[in-house]
Each structure stands twice: as structure tokens, then as C-alpha cells.
Amino acid sequence: MATAPAAHGDDSSSDDGSGLEPGAELAEEAARYARLGWMRATSGNLSVVVGTDPVRILVTASGLDKGALTAADVVELDGAGVPTGRTPTGLAATGLAATPSASAGGSRTGDRPRQPSAEAVLHARLIGLTGAAAVVHLRTVASVLAADRFPDGLTLRDHEMLKALGRAAEGDPVRLPVVTNSQDMAVLAERVSAAWEPATPAALIARHGMYVWGADLLAVRHRAEAVEWLCEWAVRTAEQTVSWPR
């Protein structure tokens, strides 16, 4: 996948055999998550690092159906999550940057510039904090239920699925931190930073969803699938053994 940091000062396309520009790869991954029902009602966002000196990040644009994005439905950010105003390499030459797709839904009209989600700030913070080259935010039911059920964090151990998070399947307690949500992304970014578990590439946001990060979009996808499975297992197990308050 095309998400390892590019050479200094370079906007590079994928060199992993996919042949996709970063924007196209983000659109493809978003469509995959949308088919799973993990990015409903235009929710969620994905980002990838495309430059390191200075840091440049592509993030999916806000307010669009994540199942119908095009390669042009991205916004370039700096390392603080602020739009750079630059057209990502490859889009200007194709004309995509000036021709927004009507198929992606949302409220887009004409060639109005795409806008990043407010959560772009959190993507940038996680990239700076963890050294990741890709971040995905998904609003899955299991992750929200798990955050409700385990507000102090979800600790897991002795699961084969933990290997997908780079952890041992036996004798290695893994804690998924749970963070209280906020509509102020600066506040939420501080909370996530404070709760960060360096050995755990994910965090749950109460009544919001999950954030997962890694070296590239493929690695993040596998981690997100594992987090979803583990959250679902934890919630189902709790339902079987604990009487939930009414």
C-alpha cells in the first residue's frame, strides 16, 4: 500500500505494486470500509502521510459518502492538521482537482473546494505522536458498545487475534484505551495523547468509534478488523456474564 512516508519533500505514489496514487488508495480503502457498514452516513475518515520534510498528509474530505469517493476527494494538510491549499500531485494533471464528482454525495456543488473533517487535527496529532504513516477513524457498533461497557479501558489477553496488533497471543495483556468524546478536536486530541498506549495501535472514543494507525493502509485495515473482532467478543462475553443496568 502507498502509505509509508515518502522521500523528503516528495509526493509519491504507491511503490508496493498497487499502482495507485495516494488519493485513489484512500478512496479504495474507504469504499471497502463502507461496504462493511463501518463508515455510514458520511462518517469516518482516513489519512496517509505523503511527505516528511515538511510533513504533508492527505485526508479524506468531509461530508461525502465514503463508499463513492474519487481520488480527488482528499485534502492536503500540514503536520498540525491545517490545510495547505496545495493540489496533491497527480490531480491537477488529470483535471480531477477542478471537477468534483457528483457521485460522492454530500453537499458538494460545482468546484467548491473540498474541506477536511475537523478530526483532521486528531489524525495529524496521532501521526506526530506515534510515527504512523496512516490513520483510520471508523464508527463501528462494536467499538462504541465496548467503550460504553468498559469506560476505563478494555484489557484483553490470550487471544490469537491479538497477533494482528503486533502482540503475543498468550500472557500479554493488551489495553485498548477509552477516551471521553469531545466536539472540540483540540481537547479530544489532548485526551487521546494522554491515554496513548505506545504498544497498542488503537484507541476507542466513547459514543464515537475507533482510531487505528500503522505503517500503511493495509496494516491499519488488518488492525481495524482485529479491533472490531475483539470489541465484539468483549461485548458479547459481557452480555452473557453480566446483567446490564437498565
C-alpha atoms as a PDB file:
ATOM      1  CA  MET A   1       0.000   0.000   0.000  1.00  0.00           C
ATOM      2  CA  ALA A   2       1.145   3.577  -0.603  1.00  0.00           C
ATOM      3  CA  THR A   3       1.346   4.914   2.880  1.00  0.00           C
ATOM      4  CA  ALA A   4       4.925   4.690   4.084  1.00  0.00           C
ATOM      5  CA  PRO A   5       6.389   8.184   4.401  1.00  0.00           C
ATOM      6  CA  ALA A   6       7.691   9.460   1.099  1.00  0.00           C
ATOM      7  CA  ALA A   7      11.184  10.743   0.500  1.00  0.00           C
ATOM      8  CA  HIS A   8      11.802  14.175   1.972  1.00  0.00           C
ATOM      9  CA  GLY A   9       9.885  16.820   0.087  1.00  0.00           C
ATOM     10  CA  ASP A  10       8.307  14.294  -2.281  1.00  0.00           C
ATOM     11  CA  ASP A  11       4.675  13.447  -3.040  1.00  0.00           C
ATOM     12  CA  SER A  12       4.998   9.834  -4.077  1.00  0.00           C
ATOM     13  CA  SER A  13       2.548   7.304  -5.403  1.00  0.00           C
ATOM     14  CA  SER A  14       2.383   3.710  -4.280  1.00  0.00           C
ATOM     15  CA  ASP A  15       5.538   1.658  -4.709  1.00  0.00           C
ATOM     16  CA  ASP A  16       4.096  -1.555  -3.301  1.00  0.00           C
ATOM     17  CA  GLY A  17       2.703  -2.862  -6.565  1.00  0.00           C
ATOM     18  CA  SER A  18      -0.798  -1.402  -6.233  1.00  0.00           C
ATOM     19  CA  GLY A  19      -0.082   1.277  -8.843  1.00  0.00           C
ATOM     20  CA  LEU A  20      -2.464   3.687  -7.103  1.00  0.00           C
ATOM     21  CA  GLU A  21      -1.908   7.319  -6.236  1.00  0.00           C
ATOM     22  CA  PRO A  22      -2.497   8.017  -2.506  1.00  0.00           C
ATOM     23  CA  GLY A  23      -5.850   9.692  -3.184  1.00  0.00           C
ATOM     24  CA  ALA A  24      -7.089   6.710  -5.165  1.00  0.00           C
ATOM     25  CA  GLU A  25      -5.868   4.351  -2.489  1.00  0.00           C
ATOM     26  CA  LEU A  26      -7.701   6.300   0.215  1.00  0.00           C
ATOM     27  CA  ALA A  27     -10.881   6.151  -1.881  1.00  0.00           C
ATOM     28  CA  GLU A  28     -10.493   2.410  -2.392  1.00  0.00           C
ATOM     29  CA  GLU A  29      -9.985   1.738   1.309  1.00  0.00           C
ATOM     30  CA  ALA A  30     -12.915   3.976   2.256  1.00  0.00           C
ATOM     31  CA  ALA A  31     -15.169   2.034  -0.117  1.00  0.00           C
ATOM     32  CA  ARG A  32     -14.074  -1.232   1.474  1.00  0.00           C
ATOM     33  CA  TYR A  33     -14.970   0.026   4.962  1.00  0.00           C
ATOM     34  CA  ALA A  34     -18.246   1.461   3.688  1.00  0.00           C
ATOM     35  CA  ARG A  35     -19.224  -1.955   2.321  1.00  0.00           C
ATOM     36  CA  LEU A  36     -18.672  -3.366   5.810  1.00  0.00           C
ATOM     37  CA  GLY A  37     -21.004  -0.718   7.249  1.00  0.00           C
ATOM     38  CA  TRP A  38     -18.177   0.883   9.222  1.00  0.00           C
ATOM     39  CA  MET A  39     -18.401   4.352   7.586  1.00  0.00           C
ATOM     40  CA  ARG A  40     -22.135   5.018   7.434  1.00  0.00           C
ATOM     41  CA  ALA A  41     -23.846   8.354   6.767  1.00  0.00           C
ATOM     42  CA  THR A  42     -20.622  10.012   5.513  1.00  0.00           C
ATOM     43  CA  SER A  43     -18.914   9.236   8.850  1.00  0.00           C
ATOM     44  CA  GLY A  44     -15.290   8.321   9.405  1.00  0.00           C
ATOM     45  CA  ASN A  45     -12.098   9.419   7.707  1.00  0.00           C
ATOM     46  CA  LEU A  46      -8.747   8.106   6.531  1.00  0.00           C
ATOM     47  CA  SER A  47      -5.364   9.738   6.171  1.00  0.00           C
ATOM     48  CA  VAL A  48      -1.938   8.912   4.804  1.00  0.00           C
ATOM     49  CA  VAL A  49       1.457  10.615   5.012  1.00  0.00           C
ATOM     50  CA  VAL A  50       2.754  11.729   1.601  1.00  0.00           C
ATOM     51  CA  GLY A  51       5.723  13.852   2.645  1.00  0.00           C
ATOM     52  CA  THR A  52       8.033  14.167   5.629  1.00  0.00           C
ATOM     53  CA  ASP A  53      10.097  17.325   5.149  1.00  0.00           C
ATOM     54  CA  PRO A  54       7.862  19.127   5.740  1.00  0.00           C
ATOM     55  CA  VAL A  55       5.175  16.719   6.884  1.00  0.00           C
ATOM     56  CA  ARG A  56       2.271  16.520   4.467  1.00  0.00           C
ATOM     57  CA  ILE A  57      -0.816  14.402   4.992  1.00  0.00           C
ATOM     58  CA  LEU A  58      -3.730  13.543   2.717  1.00  0.00           C
ATOM     59  CA  VAL A  59      -7.091  13.105   4.467  1.00  0.00           C
ATOM     60  CA  THR A  60     -10.466  12.196   3.009  1.00  0.00           C
ATOM     61  CA  ALA A  61     -12.770  15.178   2.520  1.00  0.00           C
ATOM     62  CA  SER A  62     -15.646  15.828   4.898  1.00  0.00           C
ATOM     63  CA  GLY A  63     -19.350  15.343   4.222  1.00  0.00           C
ATOM     64  CA  LEU A  64     -19.034  12.828   1.384  1.00  0.00           C
ATOM     65  CA  ASP A  65     -20.330   9.283   1.017  1.00  0.00           C
ATOM     66  CA  LYS A  66     -17.292   7.167   1.846  1.00  0.00           C
ATOM     67  CA  GLY A  67     -18.482   4.445  -0.486  1.00  0.00           C
ATOM     68  CA  ALA A  68     -18.286   6.740  -3.531  1.00  0.00           C
ATOM     69  CA  LEU A  69     -15.104   8.789  -3.122  1.00  0.00           C
ATOM     70  CA  THR A  70     -12.776   9.532  -6.014  1.00  0.00           C
ATOM     71  CA  ALA A  71      -9.044  10.158  -5.950  1.00  0.00           C
ATOM     72  CA  ALA A  72      -9.815  13.895  -5.897  1.00  0.00           C
ATOM     73  CA  ASP A  73     -11.848  13.722  -2.685  1.00  0.00           C
ATOM     74  CA  VAL A  74      -8.869  14.448  -0.451  1.00  0.00           C
ATOM     75  CA  VAL A  75      -7.355  17.487   1.249  1.00  0.00           C
ATOM     76  CA  GLU A  76      -3.653  18.030   1.901  1.00  0.00           C
ATOM     77  CA  LEU A  77      -2.707  19.008   5.464  1.00  0.00           C
ATOM     78  CA  ASP A  78       0.453  20.110   7.180  1.00  0.00           C
ATOM     79  CA  GLY A  79       1.831  18.399  10.268  1.00  0.00           C
ATOM     80  CA  ALA A  80      -0.570  20.320  12.513  1.00  0.00           C
ATOM     81  CA  GLY A  81      -3.641  19.252  10.557  1.00  0.00           C
ATOM     82  CA  VAL A  82      -4.096  22.613   8.787  1.00  0.00           C
ATOM     83  CA  PRO A  83      -4.960  22.546   5.052  1.00  0.00           C
ATOM     84  CA  THR A  84      -2.001  23.582   2.920  1.00  0.00           C
ATOM     85  CA  GLY A  85      -4.107  24.755  -0.026  1.00  0.00           C
ATOM     86  CA  ARG A  86      -1.950  22.656  -2.347  1.00  0.00           C
ATOM     87  CA  THR A  87      -3.365  20.357  -5.007  1.00  0.00           C
ATOM     88  CA  PRO A  88      -1.960  16.859  -4.384  1.00  0.00           C
ATOM     89  CA  THR A  89       0.454  15.694  -7.066  1.00  0.00           C
ATOM     90  CA  GLY A  90      -1.271  13.955  -9.959  1.00  0.00           C
ATOM     91  CA  LEU A  91      -4.694  15.571  -9.588  1.00  0.00           C
ATOM     92  CA  ALA A  92      -4.030  18.829 -11.407  1.00  0.00           C
ATOM     93  CA  ALA A  93      -2.686  16.992 -14.429  1.00  0.00           C
ATOM     94  CA  THR A  94      -5.787  14.805 -14.676  1.00  0.00           C
ATOM     95  CA  GLY A  95      -8.273  17.639 -14.108  1.00  0.00           C
ATOM     96  CA  LEU A  96      -9.808  15.816 -11.159  1.00  0.00           C
ATOM     97  CA  ALA A  97      -8.987  18.635  -8.761  1.00  0.00           C
ATOM     98  CA  ALA A  98     -11.281  21.016 -10.605  1.00  0.00           C
ATOM     99  CA  THR A  99     -14.043  18.535 -11.363  1.00  0.00           C
ATOM    100  CA  PRO A 100     -15.651  17.277  -8.148  1.00  0.00           C
ATOM    101  CA  SER A 101     -17.615  14.075  -8.568  1.00  0.00           C
ATOM    102  CA  ALA A 102     -21.366  14.331  -8.134  1.00  0.00           C
ATOM    103  CA  SER A 103     -21.490  10.632  -7.272  1.00  0.00           C
ATOM    104  CA  ALA A 104     -19.855  11.062  -3.873  1.00  0.00           C
ATOM    105  CA  GLY A 105     -22.934  12.656  -2.353  1.00  0.00           C
ATOM    106  CA  GLY A 106     -22.761  15.199   0.439  1.00  0.00           C
ATOM    107  CA  SER A 107     -23.476  18.871  -0.210  1.00  0.00           C
ATOM    108  CA  ARG A 108     -20.775  19.486  -2.794  1.00  0.00           C
ATOM    109  CA  THR A 109     -21.693  21.723  -5.721  1.00  0.00           C
ATOM    110  CA  GLY A 110     -19.692  22.928  -8.688  1.00  0.00           C
ATOM    111  CA  ASP A 111     -15.988  23.145  -7.964  1.00  0.00           C
ATOM    112  CA  ARG A 112     -16.240  24.332  -4.373  1.00  0.00           C
ATOM    113  CA  PRO A 113     -13.033  23.331  -2.557  1.00  0.00           C
ATOM    114  CA  ARG A 114     -13.231  20.176  -0.516  1.00  0.00           C
ATOM    115  CA  GLN A 115     -12.984  20.578   3.243  1.00  0.00           C
ATOM    116  CA  PRO A 116     -11.264  18.268   5.716  1.00  0.00           C
ATOM    117  CA  SER A 117     -13.126  16.947   8.715  1.00  0.00           C
ATOM    118  CA  ALA A 118     -12.477  18.736  11.977  1.00  0.00           C
ATOM    119  CA  GLU A 119     -10.998  15.393  13.042  1.00  0.00           C
ATOM    120  CA  ALA A 120      -8.069  16.040  10.713  1.00  0.00           C
ATOM    121  CA  VAL A 121      -6.401  17.664  13.725  1.00  0.00           C
ATOM    122  CA  LEU A 122      -6.534  14.349  15.568  1.00  0.00           C
ATOM    123  CA  HIS A 123      -5.128  12.480  12.568  1.00  0.00           C
ATOM    124  CA  ALA A 124      -2.167  14.858  12.488  1.00  0.00           C
ATOM    125  CA  ARG A 125      -1.643  14.531  16.244  1.00  0.00           C
ATOM    126  CA  LEU A 126      -1.627  10.723  16.067  1.00  0.00           C
ATOM    127  CA  ILE A 127       0.818  10.747  13.172  1.00  0.00           C
ATOM    128  CA  GLY A 128       3.159  13.041  15.077  1.00  0.00           C
ATOM    129  CA  LEU A 129       2.767  11.133  18.331  1.00  0.00           C
ATOM    130  CA  THR A 130       3.083   7.575  17.083  1.00  0.00           C
ATOM    131  CA  GLY A 131       5.183   7.904  13.936  1.00  0.00           C
ATOM    132  CA  ALA A 132       2.419   6.204  11.952  1.00  0.00           C
ATOM    133  CA  ALA A 133       2.077   6.807   8.226  1.00  0.00           C
ATOM    134  CA  ALA A 134      -1.660   6.061   8.055  1.00  0.00           C
ATOM    135  CA  VAL A 135      -4.649   6.606  10.355  1.00  0.00           C
ATOM    136  CA  VAL A 136      -8.235   5.394  10.038  1.00  0.00           C
ATOM    137  CA  HIS A 137     -11.276   6.519  12.025  1.00  0.00           C
ATOM    138  CA  LEU A 138     -14.276   4.169  11.913  1.00  0.00           C
ATOM    139  CA  ARG A 139     -17.667   4.374  13.602  1.00  0.00           C
ATOM    140  CA  THR A 140     -18.457   0.737  14.212  1.00  0.00           C
ATOM    141  CA  VAL A 141     -21.184  -0.500  16.539  1.00  0.00           C
ATOM    142  CA  ALA A 142     -18.913  -2.912  18.402  1.00  0.00           C
ATOM    143  CA  SER A 143     -16.291  -0.258  19.186  1.00  0.00           C
ATOM    144  CA  VAL A 144     -18.930   2.116  20.557  1.00  0.00           C
ATOM    145  CA  LEU A 145     -20.565  -0.626  22.633  1.00  0.00           C
ATOM    146  CA  ALA A 146     -17.178  -1.692  24.008  1.00  0.00           C
ATOM    147  CA  ALA A 147     -16.338   1.880  25.022  1.00  0.00           C
ATOM    148  CA  ASP A 148     -19.704   2.077  26.834  1.00  0.00           C
ATOM    149  CA  ARG A 149     -19.183  -1.236  28.586  1.00  0.00           C
ATOM    150  CA  PHE A 150     -15.521  -0.658  29.520  1.00  0.00           C
ATOM    151  CA  PRO A 151     -15.170   3.108  30.126  1.00  0.00           C
ATOM    152  CA  ASP A 152     -11.854   2.684  31.958  1.00  0.00           C
ATOM    153  CA  GLY A 153     -10.328   0.789  29.058  1.00  0.00           C
ATOM    154  CA  LEU A 154     -10.666  -2.690  27.580  1.00  0.00           C
ATOM    155  CA  THR A 155      -7.973  -5.145  28.630  1.00  0.00           C
ATOM    156  CA  LEU A 156      -7.579  -8.299  26.560  1.00  0.00           C
ATOM    157  CA  ARG A 157      -5.256 -11.284  26.717  1.00  0.00           C
ATOM    158  CA  ASP A 158      -4.815 -14.809  25.416  1.00  0.00           C
ATOM    159  CA  HIS A 159      -6.429 -14.241  22.024  1.00  0.00           C
ATOM    160  CA  GLU A 160      -4.926 -15.311  18.717  1.00  0.00           C
ATOM    161  CA  MET A 161      -6.422 -12.143  17.208  1.00  0.00           C
ATOM    162  CA  LEU A 162      -4.046 -10.021  19.285  1.00  0.00           C
ATOM    163  CA  LYS A 163      -1.268 -11.058  16.917  1.00  0.00           C
ATOM    164  CA  ALA A 164      -2.818  -8.707  14.366  1.00  0.00           C
ATOM    165  CA  LEU A 165      -1.989  -5.838  16.733  1.00  0.00           C
ATOM    166  CA  GLY A 166       1.623  -6.953  16.953  1.00  0.00           C
ATOM    167  CA  ARG A 167       1.122  -8.509  20.375  1.00  0.00           C
ATOM    168  CA  ALA A 168       1.511 -12.026  21.751  1.00  0.00           C
ATOM    169  CA  ALA A 169      -1.414 -14.422  21.762  1.00  0.00           C
ATOM    170  CA  GLU A 170      -0.585 -15.638  25.252  1.00  0.00           C
ATOM    171  CA  GLY A 171       0.403 -13.942  28.504  1.00  0.00           C
ATOM    172  CA  ASP A 172       0.493 -10.423  27.043  1.00  0.00           C
ATOM    173  CA  PRO A 173      -2.238  -8.166  28.447  1.00  0.00           C
ATOM    174  CA  VAL A 174      -3.276  -5.596  25.867  1.00  0.00           C
ATOM    175  CA  ARG A 175      -5.192  -2.492  26.911  1.00  0.00           C
ATOM    176  CA  LEU A 176      -7.359  -0.577  24.461  1.00  0.00           C
ATOM    177  CA  PRO A 177      -7.711   2.894  25.993  1.00  0.00           C
ATOM    178  CA  VAL A 178     -11.140   4.519  26.074  1.00  0.00           C
ATOM    179  CA  VAL A 179     -11.332   8.312  25.801  1.00  0.00           C
ATOM    180  CA  THR A 180     -14.286  10.569  26.565  1.00  0.00           C
ATOM    181  CA  ASN A 181     -15.538  12.240  23.408  1.00  0.00           C
ATOM    182  CA  SER A 182     -15.444  15.991  22.752  1.00  0.00           C
ATOM    183  CA  GLN A 183     -16.670  18.170  19.905  1.00  0.00           C
ATOM    184  CA  ASP A 184     -13.556  20.302  20.408  1.00  0.00           C
ATOM    185  CA  MET A 185     -10.929  18.413  18.399  1.00  0.00           C
ATOM    186  CA  ALA A 186      -8.048  20.098  20.222  1.00  0.00           C
ATOM    187  CA  VAL A 187      -9.454  18.807  23.507  1.00  0.00           C
ATOM    188  CA  LEU A 188     -10.044  15.343  22.051  1.00  0.00           C
ATOM    189  CA  ALA A 189      -6.508  15.246  20.653  1.00  0.00           C
ATOM    190  CA  GLU A 190      -5.117  16.045  24.097  1.00  0.00           C
ATOM    191  CA  ARG A 191      -7.219  13.296  25.664  1.00  0.00           C
ATOM    192  CA  VAL A 192      -6.120  10.725  23.127  1.00  0.00           C
ATOM    193  CA  SER A 193      -2.481  11.751  23.555  1.00  0.00           C
ATOM    194  CA  ALA A 194      -2.755  11.425  27.338  1.00  0.00           C
ATOM    195  CA  ALA A 195      -4.361   7.980  27.079  1.00  0.00           C
ATOM    196  CA  TRP A 196      -1.993   6.679  24.389  1.00  0.00           C
ATOM    197  CA  GLU A 197      -0.632   3.181  24.993  1.00  0.00           C
ATOM    198  CA  PRO A 198       2.599   3.017  22.947  1.00  0.00           C
ATOM    199  CA  ALA A 199       2.320  -0.740  22.387  1.00  0.00           C
ATOM    200  CA  THR A 200      -1.337  -0.572  21.288  1.00  0.00           C
ATOM    201  CA  PRO A 201      -2.027   0.895  17.827  1.00  0.00           C
ATOM    202  CA  ALA A 202      -5.636   1.855  18.523  1.00  0.00           C
ATOM    203  CA  ALA A 203      -7.931   3.812  20.822  1.00  0.00           C
ATOM    204  CA  LEU A 204     -11.679   3.856  21.423  1.00  0.00           C
ATOM    205  CA  ILE A 205     -13.617   7.116  21.675  1.00  0.00           C
ATOM    206  CA  ALA A 206     -16.783   6.919  23.774  1.00  0.00           C
ATOM    207  CA  ARG A 207     -20.005   7.179  21.728  1.00  0.00           C
ATOM    208  CA  HIS A 208     -17.835   7.885  18.696  1.00  0.00           C
ATOM    209  CA  GLY A 209     -15.811   4.952  17.376  1.00  0.00           C
ATOM    210  CA  MET A 210     -12.243   3.758  16.952  1.00  0.00           C
ATOM    211  CA  TYR A 211      -8.979   5.250  15.746  1.00  0.00           C
ATOM    212  CA  VAL A 212      -6.371   2.839  14.399  1.00  0.00           C
ATOM    213  CA  TRP A 213      -2.938   3.624  12.975  1.00  0.00           C
ATOM    214  CA  GLY A 214       0.057   1.929  11.417  1.00  0.00           C
ATOM    215  CA  ALA A 215       2.782   1.914   8.787  1.00  0.00           C
ATOM    216  CA  ASP A 216       0.391   1.828   5.820  1.00  0.00           C
ATOM    217  CA  LEU A 217      -3.279   1.488   4.973  1.00  0.00           C
ATOM    218  CA  LEU A 218      -3.127  -2.282   4.605  1.00  0.00           C
ATOM    219  CA  ALA A 219      -1.604  -2.712   8.059  1.00  0.00           C
ATOM    220  CA  VAL A 220      -4.214  -0.356   9.505  1.00  0.00           C
ATOM    221  CA  ARG A 221      -7.016  -2.295   7.815  1.00  0.00           C
ATOM    222  CA  HIS A 222      -5.863  -5.553   9.403  1.00  0.00           C
ATOM    223  CA  ARG A 223      -5.575  -3.882  12.786  1.00  0.00           C
ATOM    224  CA  ALA A 224      -9.021  -2.319  12.478  1.00  0.00           C
ATOM    225  CA  GLU A 225     -10.538  -5.698  11.622  1.00  0.00           C
ATOM    226  CA  ALA A 226      -8.854  -7.181  14.690  1.00  0.00           C
ATOM    227  CA  VAL A 227     -10.007  -4.348  16.973  1.00  0.00           C
ATOM    228  CA  GLU A 228     -13.577  -4.751  15.745  1.00  0.00           C
ATOM    229  CA  TRP A 229     -13.478  -8.513  16.342  1.00  0.00           C
ATOM    230  CA  LEU A 230     -12.027  -8.094  19.835  1.00  0.00           C
ATOM    231  CA  CYS A 231     -14.572  -5.406  20.753  1.00  0.00           C
ATOM    232  CA  GLU A 232     -17.423  -7.604  19.560  1.00  0.00           C
ATOM    233  CA  TRP A 233     -16.078 -10.578  21.515  1.00  0.00           C
ATOM    234  CA  ALA A 234     -15.724  -8.497  24.687  1.00  0.00           C
ATOM    235  CA  VAL A 235     -19.245  -7.088  24.442  1.00  0.00           C
ATOM    236  CA  ARG A 236     -20.849 -10.449  23.704  1.00  0.00           C
ATOM    237  CA  THR A 237     -18.975 -12.073  26.564  1.00  0.00           C
ATOM    238  CA  ALA A 238     -20.023  -9.305  28.962  1.00  0.00           C
ATOM    239  CA  GLU A 239     -23.647  -9.690  27.901  1.00  0.00           C
ATOM    240  CA  GLN A 240     -23.530 -13.374  28.728  1.00  0.00           C
ATOM    241  CA  THR A 241     -21.984 -12.969  32.177  1.00  0.00           C
ATOM    242  CA  VAL A 242     -23.132  -9.567  33.478  1.00  0.00           C
ATOM    243  CA  SER A 243     -26.591  -8.096  33.959  1.00  0.00           C
ATOM    244  CA  TRP A 244     -26.543  -4.716  32.264  1.00  0.00           C
ATOM    245  CA  PRO A 245     -28.189  -1.843  34.181  1.00  0.00           C
ATOM    246  CA  ARG A 246     -31.483  -0.661  32.790  1.00  0.00           C
END
